[in-house]
Amino acid sequence: MIEIILDGITGNHRLFANSLGGLYTLIINLIEILSFLALIATFVFLYRRNLLKVPRLVKSELNGWPKLDANYILLGELLFGWRHIYHEWCRCNLTGTSAKSLSKIQAL
């Protein structure tokens, strides 16, 4: 988040890439993996909450707003996750690269 803000203020792109070198690429790739895992976990939570009917999640005190609130939060997380995946897909297509060479692009 700090990098995004500083990139906007300074007008640079990937401000820390040069100073961190290969560590920067590693950190970015780990963030990508964690983002994808969070997206999968969100699907699992939505499935458990709405289709599996786990006993502790279908109690009467969770009807109404608590259930809607939880679903809204999970759906918001899905939107953020899909936006991230779509952004990466567009970046690959615009640069003419495959997903295998993303780490090379991120190092630039």
N, C-alpha and C. Protein backbone atom coordinates (compact mmCIF):
# COMPACT_ATOMS: atom_id res chain seq x y z
N MET A 1 0.83 -1.18 0.00
CA MET A 1 0.00 0.00 0.00
C MET A 1 0.88 1.26 0.00
N ILE A 2 1.95 1.21 0.76
CA ILE A 2 2.85 2.35 0.81
C ILE A 2 3.43 2.62 -0.58
N GLU A 3 3.79 1.54 -1.28
CA GLU A 3 4.35 1.71 -2.61
C GLU A 3 3.34 2.35 -3.57
N ILE A 4 2.09 1.95 -3.49
CA ILE A 4 1.06 2.51 -4.37
C ILE A 4 0.92 4.01 -4.13
N ILE A 5 0.89 4.41 -2.88
CA ILE A 5 0.76 5.83 -2.54
C ILE A 5 1.98 6.61 -3.01
N LEU A 6 3.17 6.07 -2.71
CA LEU A 6 4.40 6.77 -3.12
C LEU A 6 4.55 6.81 -4.64
N ASP A 7 4.13 5.74 -5.34
CA ASP A 7 4.16 5.77 -6.80
C ASP A 7 3.28 6.89 -7.34
N GLY A 8 2.11 7.07 -6.73
CA GLY A 8 1.21 8.13 -7.17
C GLY A 8 1.76 9.52 -6.90
N ILE A 9 2.38 9.69 -5.73
CA ILE A 9 2.92 11.00 -5.37
C ILE A 9 4.13 11.36 -6.24
N THR A 10 5.02 10.38 -6.43
CA THR A 10 6.27 10.67 -7.17
C THR A 10 6.12 10.52 -8.68
N GLY A 11 5.07 9.85 -9.13
CA GLY A 11 4.90 9.64 -10.57
C GLY A 11 5.74 8.50 -11.10
N ASN A 12 6.33 7.72 -10.23
CA ASN A 12 7.12 6.56 -10.63
C ASN A 12 6.26 5.31 -10.66
N HIS A 13 6.83 4.25 -11.18
CA HIS A 13 6.16 2.95 -11.18
C HIS A 13 7.10 1.94 -10.55
N ARG A 14 6.60 1.23 -9.56
CA ARG A 14 7.40 0.23 -8.82
C ARG A 14 8.65 0.88 -8.22
N LEU A 15 8.39 1.79 -7.32
CA LEU A 15 9.42 2.60 -6.69
C LEU A 15 10.48 1.77 -5.98
N PHE A 16 10.05 0.67 -5.34
CA PHE A 16 10.99 -0.13 -4.55
C PHE A 16 11.66 -1.25 -5.33
N ALA A 17 11.32 -1.43 -6.60
CA ALA A 17 11.84 -2.55 -7.38
C ALA A 17 13.37 -2.51 -7.49
N ASN A 18 13.92 -1.34 -7.75
CA ASN A 18 15.38 -1.25 -7.92
C ASN A 18 16.13 -1.46 -6.61
N SER A 19 15.60 -0.90 -5.53
CA SER A 19 16.31 -1.00 -4.26
C SER A 19 16.22 -2.40 -3.64
N LEU A 20 15.12 -3.11 -3.89
CA LEU A 20 14.96 -4.44 -3.30
C LEU A 20 15.38 -5.57 -4.23
N GLY A 21 15.48 -5.32 -5.51
CA GLY A 21 15.95 -6.32 -6.46
C GLY A 21 15.07 -7.55 -6.51
N GLY A 22 15.69 -8.74 -6.36
CA GLY A 22 14.97 -10.00 -6.43
C GLY A 22 13.98 -10.19 -5.29
N LEU A 23 14.25 -9.56 -4.15
CA LEU A 23 13.32 -9.65 -3.02
C LEU A 23 11.98 -9.02 -3.37
N TYR A 24 12.02 -7.95 -4.15
CA TYR A 24 10.78 -7.29 -4.59
C TYR A 24 9.92 -8.26 -5.40
N THR A 25 10.54 -8.94 -6.35
CA THR A 25 9.82 -9.91 -7.17
C THR A 25 9.24 -11.02 -6.31
N LEU A 26 10.00 -11.51 -5.35
CA LEU A 26 9.52 -12.55 -4.44
C LEU A 26 8.31 -12.07 -3.65
N ILE A 27 8.39 -10.86 -3.11
CA ILE A 27 7.29 -10.31 -2.31
C ILE A 27 6.04 -10.16 -3.18
N ILE A 28 6.18 -9.62 -4.38
CA ILE A 28 5.04 -9.43 -5.28
C ILE A 28 4.42 -10.77 -5.64
N ASN A 29 5.25 -11.76 -5.94
CA ASN A 29 4.72 -13.08 -6.28
C ASN A 29 4.01 -13.73 -5.10
N LEU A 30 4.52 -13.55 -3.90
CA LEU A 30 3.84 -14.09 -2.71
C LEU A 30 2.50 -13.41 -2.50
N ILE A 31 2.44 -12.12 -2.74
CA ILE A 31 1.17 -11.40 -2.63
C ILE A 31 0.17 -11.94 -3.65
N GLU A 32 0.63 -12.24 -4.86
CA GLU A 32 -0.25 -12.79 -5.90
C GLU A 32 -0.81 -14.15 -5.45
N ILE A 33 0.03 -14.99 -4.91
CA ILE A 33 -0.40 -16.31 -4.45
C ILE A 33 -1.39 -16.18 -3.30
N LEU A 34 -1.09 -15.32 -2.34
CA LEU A 34 -1.99 -15.12 -1.21
C LEU A 34 -3.34 -14.55 -1.66
N SER A 35 -3.34 -13.67 -2.64
CA SER A 35 -4.59 -13.11 -3.17
C SER A 35 -5.44 -14.21 -3.79
N PHE A 36 -4.82 -15.09 -4.54
CA PHE A 36 -5.56 -16.19 -5.16
C PHE A 36 -6.11 -17.15 -4.11
N LEU A 37 -5.32 -17.44 -3.08
CA LEU A 37 -5.79 -18.31 -2.00
C LEU A 37 -6.95 -17.67 -1.23
N ALA A 38 -6.89 -16.36 -1.04
CA ALA A 38 -8.00 -15.66 -0.38
C ALA A 38 -9.27 -15.75 -1.23
N LEU A 39 -9.13 -15.68 -2.53
CA LEU A 39 -10.29 -15.80 -3.42
C LEU A 39 -10.91 -17.19 -3.29
N ILE A 40 -10.09 -18.22 -3.27
CA ILE A 40 -10.58 -19.59 -3.10
C ILE A 40 -11.27 -19.74 -1.75
N ALA A 41 -10.65 -19.22 -0.70
CA ALA A 41 -11.24 -19.32 0.64
C ALA A 41 -12.59 -18.61 0.70
N THR A 42 -12.74 -17.51 -0.01
CA THR A 42 -14.01 -16.79 -0.02
C THR A 42 -15.10 -17.63 -0.67
N PHE A 43 -14.77 -18.32 -1.77
CA PHE A 43 -15.74 -19.22 -2.37
C PHE A 43 -16.14 -20.33 -1.40
N VAL A 44 -15.16 -20.87 -0.68
CA VAL A 44 -15.44 -21.93 0.29
C VAL A 44 -16.36 -21.40 1.39
N PHE A 45 -16.10 -20.22 1.90
CA PHE A 45 -16.94 -19.65 2.96
C PHE A 45 -18.37 -19.42 2.47
N LEU A 46 -18.51 -18.88 1.25
CA LEU A 46 -19.85 -18.67 0.69
C LEU A 46 -20.59 -20.00 0.54
N TYR A 47 -19.89 -21.02 0.07
CA TYR A 47 -20.48 -22.34 -0.09
C TYR A 47 -20.94 -22.90 1.25
N ARG A 48 -20.07 -22.82 2.25
CA ARG A 48 -20.42 -23.33 3.58
C ARG A 48 -21.59 -22.57 4.18
N ARG A 49 -21.60 -21.28 4.01
CA ARG A 49 -22.61 -20.44 4.64
C ARG A 49 -23.98 -20.61 4.00
N ASN A 50 -24.01 -20.75 2.68
CA ASN A 50 -25.29 -20.71 1.97
C ASN A 50 -25.77 -22.05 1.42
N LEU A 51 -24.88 -22.97 1.10
CA LEU A 51 -25.30 -24.22 0.49
C LEU A 51 -25.16 -25.42 1.42
N LEU A 52 -24.10 -25.46 2.21
CA LEU A 52 -23.88 -26.60 3.09
C LEU A 52 -24.77 -26.58 4.33
N LYS A 53 -25.19 -25.41 4.71
CA LYS A 53 -26.04 -25.22 5.90
C LYS A 53 -25.38 -25.79 7.16
N VAL A 54 -24.19 -25.32 7.45
CA VAL A 54 -23.48 -25.70 8.67
C VAL A 54 -24.36 -25.31 9.86
N PRO A 55 -24.58 -26.23 10.83
CA PRO A 55 -25.53 -25.97 11.92
C PRO A 55 -25.31 -24.65 12.67
N ARG A 56 -24.08 -24.29 12.95
CA ARG A 56 -23.87 -23.07 13.72
C ARG A 56 -24.12 -21.81 12.90
N LEU A 57 -24.24 -21.95 11.58
CA LEU A 57 -24.48 -20.79 10.72
C LEU A 57 -25.94 -20.65 10.30
N VAL A 58 -26.80 -21.57 10.73
CA VAL A 58 -28.22 -21.48 10.36
C VAL A 58 -29.10 -21.29 11.60
N LYS A 59 -28.53 -20.86 12.69
CA LYS A 59 -29.32 -20.60 13.90
C LYS A 59 -30.20 -19.37 13.69
N SER A 60 -31.29 -19.32 14.44
CA SER A 60 -32.27 -18.24 14.25
C SER A 60 -31.69 -16.85 14.53
N GLU A 61 -30.73 -16.74 15.45
CA GLU A 61 -30.18 -15.41 15.75
C GLU A 61 -29.32 -14.86 14.61
N LEU A 62 -28.98 -15.71 13.64
CA LEU A 62 -28.19 -15.25 12.50
C LEU A 62 -29.05 -14.93 11.28
N ASN A 63 -30.37 -15.05 11.42
CA ASN A 63 -31.26 -14.72 10.30
C ASN A 63 -31.34 -13.20 10.14
N GLY A 64 -31.71 -12.78 8.95
CA GLY A 64 -31.88 -11.35 8.70
C GLY A 64 -30.57 -10.66 8.41
N TRP A 65 -30.35 -9.53 9.10
CA TRP A 65 -29.19 -8.69 8.81
C TRP A 65 -27.84 -9.38 9.01
N PRO A 66 -27.62 -10.18 10.08
CA PRO A 66 -26.31 -10.83 10.21
C PRO A 66 -25.94 -11.71 9.01
N LYS A 67 -26.91 -12.44 8.48
CA LYS A 67 -26.63 -13.29 7.33
C LYS A 67 -26.36 -12.44 6.09
N LEU A 68 -27.18 -11.42 5.88
CA LEU A 68 -26.96 -10.53 4.74
C LEU A 68 -25.62 -9.82 4.84
N ASP A 69 -25.29 -9.35 6.02
CA ASP A 69 -24.04 -8.63 6.22
C ASP A 69 -22.85 -9.52 5.88
N ALA A 70 -22.87 -10.75 6.36
CA ALA A 70 -21.77 -11.69 6.08
C ALA A 70 -21.67 -11.95 4.58
N ASN A 71 -22.80 -12.14 3.93
CA ASN A 71 -22.78 -12.39 2.48
C ASN A 71 -22.30 -11.18 1.71
N TYR A 72 -22.69 -9.98 2.13
CA TYR A 72 -22.21 -8.77 1.46
C TYR A 72 -20.70 -8.64 1.57
N ILE A 73 -20.18 -8.94 2.74
CA ILE A 73 -18.73 -8.86 2.94
C ILE A 73 -18.01 -9.87 2.05
N LEU A 74 -18.52 -11.10 2.00
CA LEU A 74 -17.90 -12.13 1.16
C LEU A 74 -18.01 -11.78 -0.32
N LEU A 75 -19.14 -11.25 -0.73
CA LEU A 75 -19.29 -10.86 -2.14
C LEU A 75 -18.37 -9.69 -2.49
N GLY A 76 -18.19 -8.76 -1.55
CA GLY A 76 -17.23 -7.67 -1.76
C GLY A 76 -15.82 -8.20 -1.92
N GLU A 77 -15.47 -9.19 -1.12
CA GLU A 77 -14.14 -9.82 -1.23
C GLU A 77 -13.98 -10.50 -2.60
N LEU A 78 -15.04 -11.12 -3.08
CA LEU A 78 -14.98 -11.74 -4.41
C LEU A 78 -14.75 -10.69 -5.49
N LEU A 79 -15.43 -9.57 -5.38
CA LEU A 79 -15.24 -8.50 -6.37
C LEU A 79 -13.79 -8.00 -6.38
N PHE A 80 -13.22 -7.82 -5.20
CA PHE A 80 -11.82 -7.39 -5.14
C PHE A 80 -10.89 -8.44 -5.71
N GLY A 81 -11.16 -9.70 -5.42
CA GLY A 81 -10.32 -10.79 -5.93
C GLY A 81 -10.40 -10.90 -7.43
N TRP A 82 -11.61 -10.84 -7.98
CA TRP A 82 -11.77 -10.93 -9.43
C TRP A 82 -11.16 -9.73 -10.12
N ARG A 83 -11.26 -8.55 -9.51
CA ARG A 83 -10.65 -7.37 -10.10
C ARG A 83 -9.14 -7.55 -10.21
N HIS A 84 -8.56 -8.13 -9.18
CA HIS A 84 -7.11 -8.34 -9.17
C HIS A 84 -6.70 -9.33 -10.27
N ILE A 85 -7.44 -10.43 -10.38
CA ILE A 85 -7.12 -11.42 -11.41
C ILE A 85 -7.31 -10.82 -12.80
N TYR A 86 -8.39 -10.07 -13.00
CA TYR A 86 -8.64 -9.44 -14.29
C TYR A 86 -7.54 -8.44 -14.63
N HIS A 87 -7.10 -7.68 -13.65
CA HIS A 87 -6.00 -6.72 -13.86
C HIS A 87 -4.74 -7.43 -14.34
N GLU A 88 -4.40 -8.54 -13.69
CA GLU A 88 -3.20 -9.29 -14.08
C GLU A 88 -3.35 -9.88 -15.47
N TRP A 89 -4.55 -10.38 -15.79
CA TRP A 89 -4.80 -10.94 -17.11
C TRP A 89 -4.66 -9.87 -18.18
N CYS A 90 -5.22 -8.69 -17.95
CA CYS A 90 -5.11 -7.59 -18.90
C CYS A 90 -3.66 -7.17 -19.08
N ARG A 91 -2.94 -7.14 -17.96
CA ARG A 91 -1.53 -6.74 -18.04
C ARG A 91 -0.75 -7.71 -18.89
N CYS A 92 -1.03 -9.01 -18.75
CA CYS A 92 -0.34 -10.01 -19.57
C CYS A 92 -0.68 -9.83 -21.04
N ASN A 93 -1.96 -9.61 -21.35
CA ASN A 93 -2.38 -9.45 -22.74
C ASN A 93 -1.84 -8.17 -23.36
N LEU A 94 -1.80 -7.09 -22.59
CA LEU A 94 -1.33 -5.82 -23.14
C LEU A 94 0.18 -5.84 -23.39
N THR A 95 0.90 -6.57 -22.57
CA THR A 95 2.35 -6.62 -22.75
C THR A 95 2.76 -7.76 -23.66
N GLY A 96 1.78 -8.62 -24.05
CA GLY A 96 2.09 -9.73 -24.95
C GLY A 96 2.90 -10.83 -24.30
N THR A 97 2.72 -11.00 -23.02
CA THR A 97 3.48 -12.02 -22.31
C THR A 97 2.56 -13.10 -21.76
N SER A 98 3.15 -14.20 -21.37
CA SER A 98 2.37 -15.27 -20.74
C SER A 98 2.46 -15.13 -19.24
N ALA A 99 1.65 -15.88 -18.54
CA ALA A 99 1.67 -15.85 -17.07
C ALA A 99 3.02 -16.32 -16.53
N LYS A 100 3.72 -17.17 -17.30
CA LYS A 100 5.00 -17.69 -16.82
C LYS A 100 6.06 -16.58 -16.72
N SER A 101 5.92 -15.56 -17.52
CA SER A 101 6.93 -14.52 -17.52
C SER A 101 6.52 -13.28 -16.73
N LEU A 102 5.49 -13.39 -15.89
CA LEU A 102 5.04 -12.26 -15.09
C LEU A 102 6.14 -11.77 -14.15
N SER A 103 6.89 -12.70 -13.57
CA SER A 103 7.93 -12.27 -12.64
C SER A 103 8.99 -11.44 -13.35
N LYS A 104 9.24 -11.70 -14.62
CA LYS A 104 10.20 -10.89 -15.38
C LYS A 104 9.65 -9.47 -15.57
N ILE A 105 8.34 -9.37 -15.83
CA ILE A 105 7.72 -8.05 -16.01
C ILE A 105 7.77 -7.29 -14.69
N GLN A 106 7.48 -7.98 -13.59
CA GLN A 106 7.43 -7.31 -12.30
C GLN A 106 8.81 -6.82 -11.88
N ALA A 107 9.85 -7.42 -12.38
CA ALA A 107 11.19 -7.00 -12.01
C ALA A 107 11.62 -5.74 -12.75
N LEU A 108 10.89 -5.36 -13.80
CA LEU A 108 11.25 -4.16 -14.58
C LEU A 108 11.01 -2.88 -13.84
